[in-house]
């Protein structure tokens, strides 16, 4: 069963985020608190949405997909960015991941989104094979850029004074 997350799912979502980070060999980077997740998902201005995969027989939460909208200047339309897709190891192969992706694809179609995009680690061959089986196009010509920590602080310090007058999103 795939359903929208509720506020009572936040502890389980946080646990799965940490499980995913451990799988991706970056456990120390998963620092989000339950309070931060609650605000990001259910606050006054939600930053993201979550679908939950739940085992129909046991009711156990076995996976999640966290996504948010993006905008393409080329198509002039919104799209979906999938930040996390995770199915717990013992539940893999039962169709939960595909069901989460299918639900998100249907949501894209119903909202008129032209693109549904996400990243996958280059070493994660089982997941890449799964995505390819669904017809996913891997965009090898693009490189992800990230600015954080001290480099972000240094560049921000160079912003012109007028930046304080920019609209907040």
C-alpha atoms as a PDB file:
ATOM      1  CA  UNK A   1       0.000   0.000   0.000  1.00  0.00           C
ATOM      2  CA  UNK A   2       1.241   3.475  -0.874  1.00  0.00           C
ATOM      3  CA  UNK A   3      -0.105   6.426   1.103  1.00  0.00           C
ATOM      4  CA  UNK A   4       0.748  10.012   1.943  1.00  0.00           C
ATOM      5  CA  UNK A   5       2.813  10.430   5.083  1.00  0.00           C
ATOM      6  CA  UNK A   6       1.214  11.831   8.215  1.00  0.00           C
ATOM      7  CA  UNK A   7       2.759  13.622  11.169  1.00  0.00           C
ATOM      8  CA  UNK A   8       2.834  10.332  13.082  1.00  0.00           C
ATOM      9  CA  UNK A   9       5.198   8.921  10.413  1.00  0.00           C
ATOM     10  CA  UNK A  10       7.973  11.441  11.151  1.00  0.00           C
ATOM     11  CA  UNK A  11       9.942   9.183  13.566  1.00  0.00           C
ATOM     12  CA  UNK A  12       9.813   6.313  11.043  1.00  0.00           C
ATOM     13  CA  UNK A  13      10.806   8.630   8.175  1.00  0.00           C
ATOM     14  CA  UNK A  14      13.781   9.868  10.195  1.00  0.00           C
ATOM     15  CA  UNK A  15      14.797   6.281  10.973  1.00  0.00           C
ATOM     16  CA  UNK A  16      14.644   5.343   7.283  1.00  0.00           C
ATOM     17  CA  UNK A  17      16.630   8.445   6.301  1.00  0.00           C
ATOM     18  CA  UNK A  18      19.366   7.269   8.650  1.00  0.00           C
ATOM     19  CA  UNK A  19      19.161   3.723   7.238  1.00  0.00           C
ATOM     20  CA  UNK A  20      19.480   5.115   3.702  1.00  0.00           C
ATOM     21  CA  UNK A  21      22.445   7.274   4.695  1.00  0.00           C
ATOM     22  CA  UNK A  22      24.169   4.238   6.220  1.00  0.00           C
ATOM     23  CA  UNK A  23      23.538   2.257   3.020  1.00  0.00           C
ATOM     24  CA  UNK A  24      24.994   5.132   0.991  1.00  0.00           C
ATOM     25  CA  UNK A  25      28.096   5.132   3.225  1.00  0.00           C
ATOM     26  CA  UNK A  26      27.329   8.572   4.649  1.00  0.00           C
ATOM     27  CA  UNK A  27      25.620   7.911   7.983  1.00  0.00           C
ATOM     28  CA  UNK A  28      27.354  10.862   9.650  1.00  0.00           C
ATOM     29  CA  UNK A  29      25.733  13.243   7.165  1.00  0.00           C
ATOM     30  CA  UNK A  30      22.137  12.345   8.125  1.00  0.00           C
ATOM     31  CA  UNK A  31      21.639  14.998  10.810  1.00  0.00           C
ATOM     32  CA  UNK A  32      17.980  15.980  10.277  1.00  0.00           C
ATOM     33  CA  UNK A  33      15.991  15.960  13.502  1.00  0.00           C
ATOM     34  CA  UNK A  34      12.366  14.930  13.887  1.00  0.00           C
ATOM     35  CA  UNK A  35      11.534  18.580  14.564  1.00  0.00           C
ATOM     36  CA  UNK A  36      13.198  19.693  11.324  1.00  0.00           C
ATOM     37  CA  UNK A  37      11.425  16.986   9.346  1.00  0.00           C
ATOM     38  CA  UNK A  38       8.067  17.828  10.906  1.00  0.00           C
ATOM     39  CA  UNK A  39       8.483  21.492   9.908  1.00  0.00           C
ATOM     40  CA  UNK A  40       9.787  20.641   6.411  1.00  0.00           C
ATOM     41  CA  UNK A  41       6.978  18.188   5.687  1.00  0.00           C
ATOM     42  CA  UNK A  42       3.998  19.511   7.646  1.00  0.00           C
ATOM     43  CA  UNK A  43       4.836  23.100   8.594  1.00  0.00           C
ATOM     44  CA  UNK A  44       3.234  26.297   7.351  1.00  0.00           C
ATOM     45  CA  UNK A  45       5.237  26.196   4.096  1.00  0.00           C
ATOM     46  CA  UNK A  46       6.176  22.546   3.427  1.00  0.00           C
ATOM     47  CA  UNK A  47       9.458  22.096   1.565  1.00  0.00           C
ATOM     48  CA  UNK A  48       8.830  18.491   0.541  1.00  0.00           C
ATOM     49  CA  UNK A  49       6.282  15.680   0.538  1.00  0.00           C
ATOM     50  CA  UNK A  50       6.567  12.004   1.426  1.00  0.00           C
ATOM     51  CA  UNK A  51       4.838   8.858   0.277  1.00  0.00           C
ATOM     52  CA  UNK A  52       4.982   5.815   2.547  1.00  0.00           C
ATOM     53  CA  UNK A  53       5.138   2.183   1.436  1.00  0.00           C
ATOM     54  CA  UNK A  54       3.373  -0.021   3.930  1.00  0.00           C
ATOM     55  CA  UNK A  55       3.210  -3.814   3.891  1.00  0.00           C
ATOM     56  CA  UNK A  56      -0.433  -4.721   3.289  1.00  0.00           C
ATOM     57  CA  UNK A  57      -0.280  -7.869   5.432  1.00  0.00           C
ATOM     58  CA  UNK A  58       1.572  -6.568   8.485  1.00  0.00           C
ATOM     59  CA  UNK A  59       0.998  -2.815   8.301  1.00  0.00           C
ATOM     60  CA  UNK A  60       4.766  -2.316   8.716  1.00  0.00           C
ATOM     61  CA  UNK A  61       6.280   0.784   7.122  1.00  0.00           C
ATOM     62  CA  UNK A  62       8.811  -0.654   4.655  1.00  0.00           C
ATOM     63  CA  UNK A  63       9.829   2.352   2.583  1.00  0.00           C
ATOM     64  CA  UNK A  64       9.378   5.961   1.632  1.00  0.00           C
ATOM     65  CA  UNK A  65       9.834   8.451  -1.177  1.00  0.00           C
ATOM     66  CA  UNK A  66      10.577  12.105  -0.390  1.00  0.00           C
ATOM     67  CA  UNK A  67      10.102  14.601  -3.223  1.00  0.00           C
ATOM     68  CA  UNK A  68       9.661  18.281  -3.980  1.00  0.00           C
ATOM     69  CA  UNK A  69       8.812  20.401  -7.005  1.00  0.00           C
ATOM     70  CA  UNK A  70      11.335  22.092  -9.256  1.00  0.00           C
ATOM     71  CA  UNK A  71      10.988  24.352 -12.277  1.00  0.00           C
ATOM     72  CA  UNK A  72      12.435  24.019 -15.771  1.00  0.00           C
ATOM     73  CA  UNK A  73      13.184  27.204 -17.651  1.00  0.00           C
ATOM     74  CA  UNK A  74      13.394  25.140 -20.837  1.00  0.00           C
ATOM     75  CA  UNK A  75       9.920  23.596 -20.610  1.00  0.00           C
ATOM     76  CA  UNK A  76       8.336  26.412 -18.604  1.00  0.00           C
ATOM     77  CA  UNK A  77       6.769  23.833 -16.320  1.00  0.00           C
ATOM     78  CA  UNK A  78       7.227  22.406 -12.886  1.00  0.00           C
ATOM     79  CA  UNK A  79       8.726  19.005 -12.403  1.00  0.00           C
ATOM     80  CA  UNK A  80       9.392  16.597  -9.585  1.00  0.00           C
ATOM     81  CA  UNK A  81      12.715  15.965  -7.885  1.00  0.00           C
ATOM     82  CA  UNK A  82      12.917  12.714  -5.955  1.00  0.00           C
ATOM     83  CA  UNK A  83      15.317  13.318  -3.093  1.00  0.00           C
ATOM     84  CA  UNK A  84      15.043   9.896  -1.432  1.00  0.00           C
ATOM     85  CA  UNK A  85      13.676   6.522  -2.454  1.00  0.00           C
ATOM     86  CA  UNK A  86      14.253   3.824   0.127  1.00  0.00           C
ATOM     87  CA  UNK A  87      12.907   0.359   0.781  1.00  0.00           C
ATOM     88  CA  UNK A  88      14.138  -1.542   3.809  1.00  0.00           C
ATOM     89  CA  UNK A  89      16.397  -4.472   2.866  1.00  0.00           C
ATOM     90  CA  UNK A  90      14.047  -7.210   4.095  1.00  0.00           C
ATOM     91  CA  UNK A  91      11.213  -5.791   1.956  1.00  0.00           C
ATOM     92  CA  UNK A  92      13.134  -5.351  -1.291  1.00  0.00           C
ATOM     93  CA  UNK A  93      12.006  -7.302  -4.329  1.00  0.00           C
ATOM     94  CA  UNK A  94       8.344  -7.227  -3.289  1.00  0.00           C
ATOM     95  CA  UNK A  95       7.419  -4.299  -5.548  1.00  0.00           C
ATOM     96  CA  UNK A  96       7.403  -1.492  -2.968  1.00  0.00           C
ATOM     97  CA  UNK A  97      10.026   0.620  -4.760  1.00  0.00           C
ATOM     98  CA  UNK A  98       8.277   0.270  -8.094  1.00  0.00           C
ATOM     99  CA  UNK A  99       4.937   1.105  -6.464  1.00  0.00           C
ATOM    100  CA  UNK A 100       6.411   4.269  -4.934  1.00  0.00           C
ATOM    101  CA  UNK A 101       7.869   5.346  -8.289  1.00  0.00           C
ATOM    102  CA  UNK A 102       4.616   4.534 -10.108  1.00  0.00           C
ATOM    103  CA  UNK A 103       2.634   6.604  -7.595  1.00  0.00           C
ATOM    104  CA  UNK A 104       5.026   9.520  -8.091  1.00  0.00           C
ATOM    105  CA  UNK A 105       4.850   9.172 -11.878  1.00  0.00           C
ATOM    106  CA  UNK A 106       1.041   9.252 -11.663  1.00  0.00           C
ATOM    107  CA  UNK A 107       1.265  12.361  -9.484  1.00  0.00           C
ATOM    108  CA  UNK A 108       3.511  13.978 -12.109  1.00  0.00           C
ATOM    109  CA  UNK A 109       1.006  13.219 -14.826  1.00  0.00           C
ATOM    110  CA  UNK A 110      -1.966  14.510 -12.809  1.00  0.00           C
ATOM    111  CA  UNK A 111      -0.163  17.785 -12.016  1.00  0.00           C
ATOM    112  CA  UNK A 112       1.124  18.293 -15.566  1.00  0.00           C
ATOM    113  CA  UNK A 113       4.783  17.915 -14.612  1.00  0.00           C
ATOM    114  CA  UNK A 114       6.939  17.140 -17.645  1.00  0.00           C
ATOM    115  CA  UNK A 115       9.986  15.889 -15.748  1.00  0.00           C
ATOM    116  CA  UNK A 116      10.566  13.443 -12.912  1.00  0.00           C
ATOM    117  CA  UNK A 117      14.238  13.482 -11.953  1.00  0.00           C
ATOM    118  CA  UNK A 118      16.578  12.171  -9.288  1.00  0.00           C
ATOM    119  CA  UNK A 119      20.168  11.195  -8.671  1.00  0.00           C
ATOM    120  CA  UNK A 120      21.682   7.768  -8.105  1.00  0.00           C
ATOM    121  CA  UNK A 121      25.151   6.978  -6.850  1.00  0.00           C
ATOM    122  CA  UNK A 122      27.378   5.658  -9.651  1.00  0.00           C
ATOM    123  CA  UNK A 123      28.468   2.632  -7.569  1.00  0.00           C
ATOM    124  CA  UNK A 124      24.895   1.543  -6.764  1.00  0.00           C
ATOM    125  CA  UNK A 125      24.639  -1.007  -9.567  1.00  0.00           C
ATOM    126  CA  UNK A 126      21.569  -2.915  -8.285  1.00  0.00           C
ATOM    127  CA  UNK A 127      19.567   0.300  -8.098  1.00  0.00           C
ATOM    128  CA  UNK A 128      20.799   1.499 -11.486  1.00  0.00           C
ATOM    129  CA  UNK A 129      19.747  -1.835 -12.995  1.00  0.00           C
ATOM    130  CA  UNK A 130      16.313  -1.474 -11.372  1.00  0.00           C
ATOM    131  CA  UNK A 131      15.911   2.048 -12.773  1.00  0.00           C
ATOM    132  CA  UNK A 132      17.009   0.940 -16.240  1.00  0.00           C
ATOM    133  CA  UNK A 133      14.395  -1.844 -16.141  1.00  0.00           C
ATOM    134  CA  UNK A 134      11.775   0.907 -15.813  1.00  0.00           C
ATOM    135  CA  UNK A 135      13.119   2.808 -18.831  1.00  0.00           C
ATOM    136  CA  UNK A 136      14.871   5.546 -16.856  1.00  0.00           C
ATOM    137  CA  UNK A 137      17.292   7.650 -18.895  1.00  0.00           C
ATOM    138  CA  UNK A 138      20.667   8.150 -17.186  1.00  0.00           C
ATOM    139  CA  UNK A 139      22.054  11.605 -17.973  1.00  0.00           C
ATOM    140  CA  UNK A 140      25.783  10.967 -17.963  1.00  0.00           C
ATOM    141  CA  UNK A 141      26.655  14.350 -19.436  1.00  0.00           C
ATOM    142  CA  UNK A 142      25.534  16.232 -16.295  1.00  0.00           C
ATOM    143  CA  UNK A 143      27.608  16.634 -13.144  1.00  0.00           C
ATOM    144  CA  UNK A 144      26.031  17.464  -9.787  1.00  0.00           C
ATOM    145  CA  UNK A 145      27.467  20.590  -8.150  1.00  0.00           C
ATOM    146  CA  UNK A 146      27.317  21.241  -4.422  1.00  0.00           C
ATOM    147  CA  UNK A 147      28.409  24.252  -2.405  1.00  0.00           C
ATOM    148  CA  UNK A 148      28.278  23.850   1.385  1.00  0.00           C
ATOM    149  CA  UNK A 149      30.178  24.510   4.586  1.00  0.00           C
ATOM    150  CA  UNK A 150      33.057  26.981   4.509  1.00  0.00           C
ATOM    151  CA  UNK A 151      33.041  27.481   0.706  1.00  0.00           C
ATOM    152  CA  UNK A 152      29.344  28.429   0.901  1.00  0.00           C
ATOM    153  CA  UNK A 153      30.066  30.861   3.736  1.00  0.00           C
ATOM    154  CA  UNK A 154      32.971  32.449   1.824  1.00  0.00           C
ATOM    155  CA  UNK A 155      30.926  32.969  -1.329  1.00  0.00           C
ATOM    156  CA  UNK A 156      27.915  34.298   0.609  1.00  0.00           C
ATOM    157  CA  UNK A 157      30.186  36.851   2.265  1.00  0.00           C
ATOM    158  CA  UNK A 158      30.897  38.277  -1.207  1.00  0.00           C
ATOM    159  CA  UNK A 159      27.203  38.984  -1.957  1.00  0.00           C
ATOM    160  CA  UNK A 160      26.331  42.564  -2.814  1.00  0.00           C
ATOM    161  CA  UNK A 161      24.485  44.526  -0.113  1.00  0.00           C
ATOM    162  CA  UNK A 162      21.295  44.555  -2.205  1.00  0.00           C
ATOM    163  CA  UNK A 163      20.856  40.828  -1.598  1.00  0.00           C
ATOM    164  CA  UNK A 164      18.934  41.727   1.593  1.00  0.00           C
ATOM    165  CA  UNK A 165      16.230  43.193  -0.639  1.00  0.00           C
ATOM    166  CA  UNK A 166      15.679  39.998  -2.659  1.00  0.00           C
ATOM    167  CA  UNK A 167      12.343  38.220  -2.177  1.00  0.00           C
ATOM    168  CA  UNK A 168      12.378  35.139   0.019  1.00  0.00           C
ATOM    169  CA  UNK A 169      11.009  31.966  -1.559  1.00  0.00           C
END
